[in-house]
C-alpha cells in the first residue's frame, strides 16, 4: 500500500486495557458527498473512548479506531459541501456513536458536524471541546432549557463534561452547585461554581434542595437520588443512557422530570459553542496532552477517573 494513500491511526484488535491500543497504518479515507476530509491536529480523549476500548460498547468487536473529538484543517471537500473549503480550520464532534475515528491523522465526516474553529484558540483547546461541550449544551440548554436565576446542580463538576457544563450554565445566568472532592473546590470556584460540595464527606441530597436542573454525569444510584433535590417540575438530565427504570418511576412519584440522553453531532450546537468561546465564556481545562503514538498512556490516565478537565492527543 502506497504511503501516500495511508495514514497513522490508533487501533485495537481485541477489547481490554490501554495496552491493546496500537499505532497502525491504514488506508486514508476520501470524502463522500456532503463530507469533508480533515487533517487532524488534535483530538480529545473522553470516558466513552476508554469504555469502548474495554467493552466494545455500541461498536461491538474490534478492530476499530476510536475518537469523536476533532480539531484540524480541511484537506478536501466532497461534492455538495458549500460551507468549507480546503485550508479552513474546523472543529467538531463526529456523529455519535458510529462516526468514530478521529484518533488518526485524517478523518472524514459530514460537513454538518463541524464549525469554523475560533481564531482565538489553538487546536489543542479546540480539540478538547466538542464532545463535552455538545453534551453539556444539549443537556442543559436544549433539554432542560435552563433560565437565568435557576439553581443547577452538576455532578463531577471538575470532570470533562462537568467543568464545561459549569461554564455553560453560568453563561446562561444560573446559580451553579457542583460536586467534587475537596481538593478540586478551588478549581470549581475559579470556573464560576457558586457552591461546592465534597461528595466524599457530604450527602448532596441533604445539603441541597429546591434545584431546578440536575446534570447527572455519574449514573447508577446518582440518577435516582438526584430526583430528590428537585423542586416540583424540576428535571434531572442523565448523560448515562442506560439504567434502572426506578429513575422514571421515582420521577413520576415525585412530580419531577427524568431524562436520559446521548449526545449527537450538531452544526447549530457547535456554532453556539464557538460563540461562547469567542465571547470568552467557555474554555476547556487541559489535564494533559499526548502524541498520537502515546494514546495508550492517555487511556491509562483516563482510566484512573481522577483527571481534572480533558486529555488530548496531538497529531503532528
Protein backbone atom coordinates (compact mmCIF):
# COMPACT_ATOMS: atom_id res chain seq x y z
CA UNK A 1 0.00 0.00 0.00
CA UNK A 2 1.47 3.37 -1.02
CA UNK A 3 2.38 5.61 1.91
CA UNK A 4 0.71 8.50 0.05
CA UNK A 5 -2.62 6.71 0.45
CA UNK A 6 -2.12 5.59 4.05
CA UNK A 7 -2.17 7.27 7.43
CA UNK A 8 -1.28 6.57 11.03
CA UNK A 9 -4.14 5.64 13.33
CA UNK A 10 -4.64 4.14 16.79
CA UNK A 11 -6.48 0.84 16.54
CA UNK A 12 -7.06 -2.34 18.51
CA UNK A 13 -7.72 -5.95 17.58
CA UNK A 14 -9.14 -7.05 20.94
CA UNK A 15 -11.00 -5.50 23.84
CA UNK A 16 -9.07 -4.79 27.01
CA UNK A 17 -6.84 -2.34 28.85
CA UNK A 18 -4.83 0.52 27.36
CA UNK A 19 -2.16 -1.92 26.22
CA UNK A 20 -4.42 -3.19 23.42
CA UNK A 21 -4.07 0.15 21.59
CA UNK A 22 -1.53 0.09 18.75
CA UNK A 23 -0.37 2.56 16.13
CA UNK A 24 -1.11 1.12 12.68
CA UNK A 25 -1.05 2.18 9.05
CA UNK A 26 -4.50 2.19 7.43
CA UNK A 27 -5.96 3.45 4.20
CA UNK A 28 -6.50 7.19 4.14
CA UNK A 29 -10.24 7.94 3.69
CA UNK A 30 -11.76 10.06 0.96
CA UNK A 31 -14.75 12.38 1.44
CA UNK A 32 -18.11 11.33 0.05
CA UNK A 33 -20.81 13.83 -0.98
CA UNK A 34 -21.54 16.30 1.83
CA UNK A 35 -18.43 15.17 3.73
CA UNK A 36 -15.10 16.80 4.45
CA UNK A 37 -11.70 15.19 4.86
CA UNK A 38 -9.98 16.76 7.88
CA UNK A 39 -6.28 16.60 8.66
CA UNK A 40 -6.42 16.07 12.42
CA UNK A 41 -4.31 18.38 14.56
CA UNK A 42 -5.76 17.47 17.95
CA UNK A 43 -8.38 15.05 19.24
CA UNK A 44 -9.82 14.81 22.72
CA UNK A 45 -9.94 11.55 24.65
CA UNK A 46 -13.15 11.01 26.61
CA UNK A 47 -14.55 8.41 29.03
CA UNK A 48 -16.56 6.97 26.16
CA UNK A 49 -13.26 6.16 24.41
CA UNK A 50 -11.83 4.09 27.23
CA UNK A 51 -15.20 2.44 27.87
CA UNK A 52 -15.47 1.39 24.21
CA UNK A 53 -11.85 0.22 24.25
CA UNK A 54 -12.60 -2.05 27.21
CA UNK A 55 -16.13 -3.28 26.43
CA UNK A 56 -16.88 -2.59 22.77
CA UNK A 57 -19.93 -0.55 23.82
CA UNK A 58 -22.06 0.45 20.87
CA UNK A 59 -19.32 -0.56 18.42
CA UNK A 60 -19.15 -4.27 19.21
CA UNK A 61 -16.00 -6.20 18.44
CA UNK A 62 -12.83 -4.52 17.12
CA UNK A 63 -10.88 -3.68 15.07
CA UNK A 64 -11.87 -0.01 15.23
CA UNK A 65 -10.32 3.44 15.56
CA UNK A 66 -11.76 5.43 18.43
CA UNK A 67 -12.15 9.18 18.85
CA UNK A 68 -15.08 11.56 18.38
CA UNK A 69 -13.47 14.94 19.14
CA UNK A 70 -11.52 16.62 16.37
CA UNK A 71 -9.87 19.91 15.54
CA UNK A 72 -7.96 20.25 12.32
CA UNK A 73 -7.73 21.58 8.81
CA UNK A 74 -9.98 20.73 5.87
CA UNK A 75 -7.89 18.75 3.39
CA UNK A 76 -10.64 18.16 0.83
CA UNK A 77 -14.37 18.77 0.49
CA UNK A 78 -16.78 16.28 -1.05
CA UNK A 79 -19.38 17.06 -3.67
CA UNK A 80 -22.01 19.48 -2.40
CA UNK A 81 -20.06 20.95 0.53
CA UNK A 82 -20.58 24.71 0.39
CA UNK A 83 -19.55 25.81 3.88
CA UNK A 84 -15.94 24.70 3.95
CA UNK A 85 -13.00 24.69 1.59
CA UNK A 86 -9.50 23.20 1.80
CA UNK A 87 -7.40 25.10 4.30
CA UNK A 88 -10.26 26.01 6.63
CA UNK A 89 -9.63 25.34 10.33
CA UNK A 90 -12.57 23.45 11.82
CA UNK A 91 -13.60 21.68 14.99
CA UNK A 92 -16.46 19.35 15.76
CA UNK A 93 -17.72 16.05 17.09
CA UNK A 94 -18.05 13.09 14.76
CA UNK A 95 -21.59 11.61 14.73
CA UNK A 96 -22.01 9.63 17.94
CA UNK A 97 -21.60 6.72 18.30
CA UNK A 98 -20.92 5.31 14.85
CA UNK A 99 -18.92 8.17 13.32
CA UNK A 100 -15.81 7.46 15.42
CA UNK A 101 -12.27 7.58 14.06
CA UNK A 102 -10.55 10.85 14.97
CA UNK A 103 -7.56 9.22 16.70
CA UNK A 104 -5.78 9.23 13.38
CA UNK A 105 -4.00 11.60 11.00
CA UNK A 106 -7.12 12.10 8.86
CA UNK A 107 -10.84 11.60 9.29
CA UNK A 108 -13.92 12.08 7.12
CA UNK A 109 -17.28 13.20 8.48
CA UNK A 110 -20.42 15.04 7.39
CA UNK A 111 -19.75 18.76 6.96
CA UNK A 112 -22.68 19.42 9.32
CA UNK A 113 -20.61 18.03 12.20
CA UNK A 114 -18.19 20.95 12.07
CA UNK A 115 -17.94 24.65 12.75
CA UNK A 116 -15.12 27.04 11.96
CA UNK A 117 -12.53 26.91 14.75
CA UNK A 118 -12.50 30.17 16.74
CA UNK A 119 -9.32 32.03 15.82
CA UNK A 120 -8.53 32.86 19.44
CA UNK A 121 -7.84 29.26 20.50
CA UNK A 122 -5.36 26.68 19.30
CA UNK A 123 -6.12 23.19 18.03
CA UNK A 124 -5.44 21.57 21.42
CA UNK A 125 -8.07 23.73 23.09
CA UNK A 126 -10.47 23.26 20.18
CA UNK A 127 -9.89 19.51 20.09
CA UNK A 128 -10.80 19.24 23.77
CA UNK A 129 -14.17 20.94 23.48
CA UNK A 130 -16.64 19.30 21.07
CA UNK A 131 -17.99 16.15 22.75
CA UNK A 132 -18.11 17.52 26.29
CA UNK A 133 -19.47 20.89 25.18
CA UNK A 134 -22.16 19.43 22.95
CA UNK A 135 -23.16 17.04 25.74
CA UNK A 136 -23.49 19.87 28.23
CA UNK A 137 -25.23 22.20 25.75
CA UNK A 138 -27.76 19.58 24.67
CA UNK A 139 -28.45 18.56 28.27
CA UNK A 140 -28.69 21.98 29.88
CA UNK A 141 -29.95 24.22 27.08
CA UNK A 142 -31.79 22.05 24.56
CA UNK A 143 -33.25 19.53 27.03
CA UNK A 144 -33.54 21.36 30.37
CA UNK A 145 -33.93 24.88 28.92
CA UNK A 146 -32.13 26.48 31.85
CA UNK A 147 -33.09 30.07 32.60
CA UNK A 148 -31.34 32.94 34.39
CA UNK A 149 -31.51 32.58 38.17
CA UNK A 150 -32.30 28.87 38.17
CA UNK A 151 -30.44 26.56 40.54
CA UNK A 152 -28.38 23.95 38.69
CA UNK A 153 -26.57 21.01 40.30
CA UNK A 154 -23.74 19.48 38.28
CA UNK A 155 -22.24 16.18 39.42
CA UNK A 156 -18.49 15.61 38.91
CA UNK A 157 -18.21 19.29 38.14
CA UNK A 158 -14.42 19.16 37.69
CA UNK A 159 -14.59 16.42 35.06
CA UNK A 160 -14.62 16.76 31.29
CA UNK A 161 -18.34 17.33 30.81
CA UNK A 162 -18.77 18.83 34.27
CA UNK A 163 -16.34 21.73 34.03
CA UNK A 164 -17.70 22.74 30.65
CA UNK A 165 -21.29 22.41 31.88
CA UNK A 166 -20.48 24.78 34.75
CA UNK A 167 -19.36 27.45 32.29
CA UNK A 168 -22.37 26.99 30.02
CA UNK A 169 -24.75 27.20 32.98
CA UNK A 170 -23.04 30.37 34.24
CA UNK A 171 -23.20 31.87 30.76
CA UNK A 172 -26.96 31.29 30.89
CA UNK A 173 -27.21 33.12 34.22
CA UNK A 174 -27.74 30.10 36.50
CA UNK A 175 -26.71 29.63 40.13
CA UNK A 176 -24.38 26.61 39.95
CA UNK A 177 -23.77 23.97 42.60
CA UNK A 178 -21.04 21.44 41.84
CA UNK A 179 -19.93 18.17 43.43
CA UNK A 180 -16.25 17.22 43.53
CA UNK A 181 -13.63 16.12 46.03
CA UNK A 182 -12.44 18.86 48.37
CA UNK A 183 -9.11 19.21 46.58
CA UNK A 184 -10.91 20.41 43.46
CA UNK A 185 -13.07 23.07 45.09
CA UNK A 186 -10.64 25.90 44.38
CA UNK A 187 -10.69 24.90 40.72
CA UNK A 188 -14.51 24.89 40.78
CA UNK A 189 -14.63 28.37 42.26
CA UNK A 190 -12.24 29.52 39.54
CA UNK A 191 -14.63 28.44 36.78
CA UNK A 192 -17.66 30.01 38.44
CA UNK A 193 -19.23 27.45 40.76
CA UNK A 194 -21.29 29.26 43.40
CA UNK A 195 -21.46 26.38 45.87
CA UNK A 196 -19.14 23.36 46.03
CA UNK A 197 -19.99 20.07 47.76
CA UNK A 198 -17.43 17.45 48.78
CA UNK A 199 -19.20 14.25 47.73
CA UNK A 200 -16.86 12.18 49.90
CA UNK A 201 -17.89 13.92 53.11
CA UNK A 202 -21.38 15.21 52.38
CA UNK A 203 -24.60 13.60 51.15
CA UNK A 204 -25.71 16.01 48.46
CA UNK A 205 -29.36 15.07 49.00
CA UNK A 206 -29.12 16.55 52.49
CA UNK A 207 -27.04 19.59 51.52
CA UNK A 208 -29.05 20.76 48.51
CA UNK A 209 -32.75 21.49 47.99
CA UNK A 210 -35.02 23.35 45.57
CA UNK A 211 -32.90 22.65 42.50
CA UNK A 212 -34.34 23.34 39.05
CA UNK A 213 -31.92 21.23 36.98
CA UNK A 214 -29.50 18.41 37.79
CA UNK A 215 -26.89 17.25 35.29
CA UNK A 216 -26.09 13.64 36.18
CA UNK A 217 -22.73 12.59 34.75
CA UNK A 218 -22.32 9.54 37.00
CA UNK A 219 -25.41 7.34 36.67
CA UNK A 220 -26.43 4.38 38.82
CA UNK A 221 -27.95 5.50 42.13
CA UNK A 222 -26.96 9.12 41.50
CA UNK A 223 -29.74 9.41 38.93
CA UNK A 224 -32.50 8.39 41.35
CA UNK A 225 -31.06 10.24 44.35
CA UNK A 226 -30.76 13.43 42.32
CA UNK A 227 -34.52 13.48 41.77
CA UNK A 228 -34.98 14.11 45.50
CA UNK A 229 -33.26 17.52 45.46
CA UNK A 230 -35.54 18.96 42.76
CA UNK A 231 -38.30 21.45 43.28
CA UNK A 232 -41.68 20.45 41.75
CA UNK A 233 -41.41 20.38 37.97
CA UNK A 234 -37.60 20.23 38.06
CA UNK A 235 -35.58 17.93 35.82
CA UNK A 236 -32.67 15.53 36.07
CA UNK A 237 -30.84 15.01 32.79
CA UNK A 238 -28.59 11.95 32.86
CA UNK A 239 -25.96 11.53 30.15
CA UNK A 240 -25.80 7.83 31.01
CA UNK A 241 -28.31 6.38 28.53
CA UNK A 242 -28.95 3.04 30.23
CA UNK A 243 -30.08 2.37 33.78
CA UNK A 244 -32.82 1.27 36.13
CA UNK A 245 -36.48 2.02 35.43
CA UNK A 246 -36.58 3.27 39.04
CA UNK A 247 -35.33 6.57 37.63
CA UNK A 248 -38.54 7.20 35.71
CA UNK A 249 -40.85 5.67 38.32
CA UNK A 250 -39.40 7.80 41.13
CA UNK A 251 -39.64 10.93 38.99
CA UNK A 252 -43.34 10.31 38.36
CA UNK A 253 -43.93 9.72 42.07
CA UNK A 254 -42.20 12.98 42.99
CA UNK A 255 -43.80 15.11 40.28
CA UNK A 256 -40.50 15.89 38.54
CA UNK A 257 -38.93 15.00 35.19
CA UNK A 258 -36.30 12.40 34.36
CA UNK A 259 -34.48 12.27 31.02
CA UNK A 260 -31.63 10.12 29.71
CA UNK A 261 -29.81 11.29 26.60
CA UNK A 262 -26.94 10.64 24.22
CA UNK A 263 -25.01 13.46 22.63
CA UNK A 264 -25.50 13.92 18.89
CA UNK A 265 -23.48 15.76 16.26
CA UNK A 266 -24.89 19.23 15.61
CA UNK A 267 -23.81 22.19 13.49
CA UNK A 268 -26.01 24.58 15.46
CA UNK A 269 -24.64 23.26 18.73
CA UNK A 270 -21.05 23.64 17.57
CA UNK A 271 -21.79 27.16 16.39
CA UNK A 272 -23.26 28.04 19.80
CA UNK A 273 -20.13 26.63 21.46
CA UNK A 274 -17.89 28.64 19.10
CA UNK A 275 -19.78 31.80 20.04
CA UNK A 276 -19.30 31.12 23.77
CA UNK A 277 -15.58 30.58 23.16
CA UNK A 278 -15.30 33.80 21.15
CA UNK A 279 -17.11 35.69 23.92
CA UNK A 280 -14.59 34.44 26.48
CA UNK A 281 -17.24 32.44 28.36
CA UNK A 282 -16.03 28.91 27.64
CA UNK A 283 -12.61 27.30 27.82
CA UNK A 284 -11.52 23.72 28.33
CA UNK A 285 -9.06 22.89 31.08
CA UNK A 286 -6.40 20.61 29.64
CA UNK A 287 -5.34 17.92 32.10
CA UNK A 288 -2.58 16.62 29.81
CA UNK A 289 -1.59 16.17 26.17
CA UNK A 290 -0.01 13.17 24.44
CA UNK A 291 1.40 12.49 20.97
CA UNK A 292 -0.90 10.27 18.89
CA UNK A 293 1.50 7.34 19.30
CA UNK A 294 1.09 7.54 23.09
CA UNK A 295 -2.70 7.11 23.09
CA UNK A 296 -2.37 4.15 25.46
CA UNK A 297 -0.82 6.44 28.08
CA UNK A 298 -3.72 8.85 27.74
CA UNK A 299 -6.18 5.98 28.22
CA UNK A 300 -4.28 4.74 31.28
CA UNK A 301 -4.52 8.19 32.86
CA UNK A 302 -8.20 8.43 31.93
CA UNK A 303 -8.87 5.05 33.50
CA UNK A 304 -7.89 6.45 36.90
CA UNK A 305 -11.02 8.65 36.90
CA UNK A 306 -9.08 11.37 38.70
CA UNK A 307 -8.28 13.87 35.96
CA UNK A 308 -9.47 17.47 36.06
CA UNK A 309 -10.60 18.64 32.63
CA UNK A 310 -9.63 17.00 29.35
CA UNK A 311 -6.97 14.73 27.86
CA UNK A 312 -5.94 15.49 24.29
CA UNK A 313 -3.97 13.65 21.60
CA UNK A 314 -1.80 15.91 19.45
CA UNK A 315 -1.17 14.88 15.84
CA UNK A 316 1.95 16.25 14.15
